[in-house]
Amino acid sequence: MSQDENETQGVVFGVLAGVIFGVIALVAGLGIWKAGQSAAPVAAVAVAEESDIAPVGEALAKVYFAVGSAEVAAADFMVVVPTAEALAANPQAIVLLSGFHDESGDPAMNAELAKQRALAVRDVLLAGHIDIQRIKLRKPESTLGGGSAEESRRVEIRVQ
């Protein structure tokens, strides 16, 4: 191997190690933050009424979930970055979270699961220092996600 190849590999490994360290730090920080939340309740998040919100465009990000789960995967914690950037670009903007579910299971339980998924994404955003006053849950007309079952189990993040 040449010296250039060794340097290139070193840079690649350094970047990869940095990304892995960042994800681990974010997961650890969220764990510490959640542990502290058991002592102090989180302020209630506002639920937006349809009449309060103008029609919105495409989702800024989508977070996908496993069947019957409302647990956010560690890789999905990165949604904080584009959300924070969008909010910084527009100080008047708010984050709208909409939870969806697939067709399997009891409809009432699925509706609650969709809400729990939106709350889980809210917790990730709060851990990323997004102000709770700028986060609203928005119940879509139909929480049934449409498309494939995997696509249906999601929370959409929109910034308006």
Protein backbone atom coordinates (compact mmCIF):
# COMPACT_ATOMS: atom_id res chain seq x y z
CA MET A 1 0.00 0.00 0.00
CA SER A 2 1.13 3.50 -0.74
CA GLN A 3 1.25 6.32 1.76
CA ASP A 4 -1.68 8.06 -0.03
CA GLU A 5 -3.87 4.99 0.40
CA ASN A 6 -2.97 4.79 4.09
CA GLU A 7 -3.83 8.47 4.58
CA THR A 8 -7.15 8.04 2.75
CA GLN A 9 -8.04 5.03 4.89
CA GLY A 10 -7.10 6.98 8.00
CA VAL A 11 -9.42 9.83 7.04
CA VAL A 12 -12.28 7.42 6.27
CA PHE A 13 -11.82 5.58 9.57
CA GLY A 14 -11.60 8.89 11.44
CA VAL A 15 -14.87 10.15 9.94
CA LEU A 16 -16.57 6.81 10.61
CA ALA A 17 -15.35 6.79 14.21
CA GLY A 18 -16.60 10.37 14.64
CA VAL A 19 -20.06 9.47 13.36
CA ILE A 20 -20.24 6.40 15.61
CA PHE A 21 -19.08 8.44 18.61
CA GLY A 22 -21.67 11.12 17.83
CA VAL A 23 -24.53 8.60 17.69
CA ILE A 24 -23.38 6.94 20.92
CA ALA A 25 -23.12 10.34 22.64
CA LEU A 26 -26.60 11.28 21.43
CA VAL A 27 -28.08 7.98 22.68
CA ALA A 28 -26.31 8.35 26.03
CA GLY A 29 -27.46 11.96 26.32
CA LEU A 30 -31.05 10.97 25.59
CA GLY A 31 -30.83 8.24 28.24
CA ILE A 32 -29.53 10.70 30.79
CA TRP A 33 -32.16 13.24 29.80
CA LYS A 34 -34.98 10.66 30.09
CA ALA A 35 -33.71 9.60 33.51
CA GLY A 36 -33.92 13.23 34.65
CA GLN A 37 -37.44 13.53 33.24
CA SER A 38 -38.81 10.95 35.68
CA ALA A 39 -38.31 13.49 38.47
CA ALA A 40 -39.88 16.42 36.64
CA PRO A 41 -42.83 16.09 34.27
CA VAL A 42 -42.51 17.50 30.77
CA ALA A 43 -44.85 20.35 29.94
CA ALA A 44 -47.79 19.27 27.85
CA VAL A 45 -47.27 19.58 24.14
CA ALA A 46 -49.89 21.52 22.24
CA VAL A 47 -52.20 19.68 19.89
CA ALA A 48 -52.89 21.72 16.82
CA GLU A 49 -56.42 21.95 15.54
CA GLU A 50 -56.90 21.68 11.78
CA SER A 51 -58.28 25.23 11.70
CA ASP A 52 -55.09 26.56 13.37
CA ILE A 53 -52.77 25.35 10.66
CA ALA A 54 -52.51 26.29 7.01
CA PRO A 55 -52.00 23.46 4.54
CA VAL A 56 -48.41 22.25 4.58
CA GLY A 57 -46.12 20.85 1.92
CA GLU A 58 -43.81 17.88 1.97
CA ALA A 59 -42.49 16.45 5.20
CA LEU A 60 -39.07 17.70 6.28
CA ALA A 61 -38.28 14.24 7.66
CA LYS A 62 -39.95 10.91 8.36
CA VAL A 63 -39.15 8.59 11.26
CA TYR A 64 -40.10 4.94 10.74
CA PHE A 65 -41.02 2.41 13.43
CA ALA A 66 -41.14 -1.36 13.91
CA VAL A 67 -44.49 -3.15 14.16
CA GLY A 68 -46.25 -2.28 17.43
CA SER A 69 -43.36 -0.07 18.57
CA ALA A 70 -43.04 3.59 19.47
CA GLU A 71 -39.27 3.39 20.06
CA VAL A 72 -37.13 5.73 17.97
CA ALA A 73 -34.05 4.04 16.52
CA ALA A 74 -30.71 5.63 17.40
CA ALA A 75 -30.03 6.49 13.74
CA ASP A 76 -33.26 8.51 13.62
CA PHE A 77 -32.03 10.89 16.34
CA MET A 78 -30.34 12.79 13.51
CA VAL A 79 -33.75 14.31 12.56
CA VAL A 80 -32.91 16.96 15.14
CA VAL A 81 -30.33 18.52 12.81
CA PRO A 82 -32.54 19.44 9.82
CA THR A 83 -35.38 20.38 12.16
CA ALA A 84 -33.17 22.76 14.18
CA GLU A 85 -31.76 24.24 10.97
CA ALA A 86 -35.25 24.87 9.58
CA LEU A 87 -36.35 26.51 12.83
CA ALA A 88 -33.21 28.65 12.96
CA ALA A 89 -33.90 29.85 9.41
CA ASN A 90 -37.41 30.91 10.41
CA PRO A 91 -37.79 32.06 14.05
CA GLN A 92 -41.61 32.14 13.69
CA ALA A 93 -41.87 28.53 12.46
CA ILE A 94 -43.28 25.62 14.44
CA VAL A 95 -42.72 21.87 14.17
CA LEU A 96 -45.75 19.74 13.34
CA LEU A 97 -45.57 16.04 14.24
CA SER A 98 -48.09 13.61 12.73
CA GLY A 99 -48.10 9.92 13.68
CA PHE A 100 -49.33 7.13 11.44
CA HIS A 101 -49.84 3.36 11.69
CA ASP A 102 -50.37 0.37 9.44
CA GLU A 103 -53.56 -1.67 9.01
CA SER A 104 -52.62 -4.52 11.38
CA GLY A 105 -54.22 -4.76 14.81
CA ASP A 106 -57.02 -2.99 16.65
CA PRO A 107 -57.89 0.46 15.21
CA ALA A 108 -58.20 2.12 18.63
CA MET A 109 -54.86 0.73 19.79
CA ASN A 110 -53.27 1.79 16.50
CA ALA A 111 -54.53 5.37 16.91
CA GLU A 112 -52.94 5.48 20.37
CA LEU A 113 -49.73 3.95 18.97
CA ALA A 114 -49.58 6.67 16.29
CA LYS A 115 -49.85 9.28 19.05
CA GLN A 116 -47.16 7.55 21.15
CA ARG A 117 -44.86 7.54 18.11
CA ALA A 118 -45.35 11.29 17.67
CA LEU A 119 -44.61 11.80 21.38
CA ALA A 120 -41.43 9.70 21.06
CA VAL A 121 -40.22 11.90 18.20
CA ARG A 122 -41.13 14.96 20.27
CA ASP A 123 -38.91 13.60 23.07
CA VAL A 124 -36.00 13.24 20.63
CA LEU A 125 -36.50 16.83 19.46
CA LEU A 126 -36.65 18.03 23.08
CA ALA A 127 -33.41 16.16 23.82
CA GLY A 128 -31.93 18.04 20.86
CA HIS A 129 -32.86 21.34 22.54
CA ILE A 130 -35.84 22.18 20.34
CA ASP A 131 -38.15 24.45 22.38
CA ILE A 132 -41.36 22.66 23.41
CA GLN A 133 -43.31 25.84 22.62
CA ARG A 134 -42.39 25.32 18.96
CA ILE A 135 -43.61 21.69 18.76
CA LYS A 136 -47.22 20.74 18.05
CA LEU A 137 -48.85 17.39 17.49
CA ARG A 138 -51.08 17.35 14.46
CA LYS A 139 -53.53 14.51 14.12
CA PRO A 140 -53.92 13.78 10.42
CA GLU A 141 -57.38 13.20 8.91
CA SER A 142 -56.53 9.52 8.78
CA THR A 143 -53.79 8.04 10.93
CA LEU A 144 -53.79 5.01 8.62
CA GLY A 145 -50.56 5.62 6.75
CA GLY A 146 -51.32 4.34 3.23
CA GLY A 147 -48.74 2.65 1.04
CA SER A 148 -46.74 -0.32 2.30
CA ALA A 149 -46.98 -1.41 5.94
CA GLU A 150 -43.39 -0.23 6.54
CA GLU A 151 -44.13 3.21 5.04
CA SER A 152 -47.31 3.47 7.12
CA ARG A 153 -45.54 3.12 10.49
CA ARG A 154 -44.06 6.61 10.62
CA VAL A 155 -44.08 10.08 12.10
CA GLU A 156 -43.82 12.98 9.69
CA ILE A 157 -41.98 16.12 10.76
CA ARG A 158 -43.07 19.32 9.06
CA VAL A 159 -41.86 22.82 9.79
CA GLN A 160 -44.29 25.61 9.11
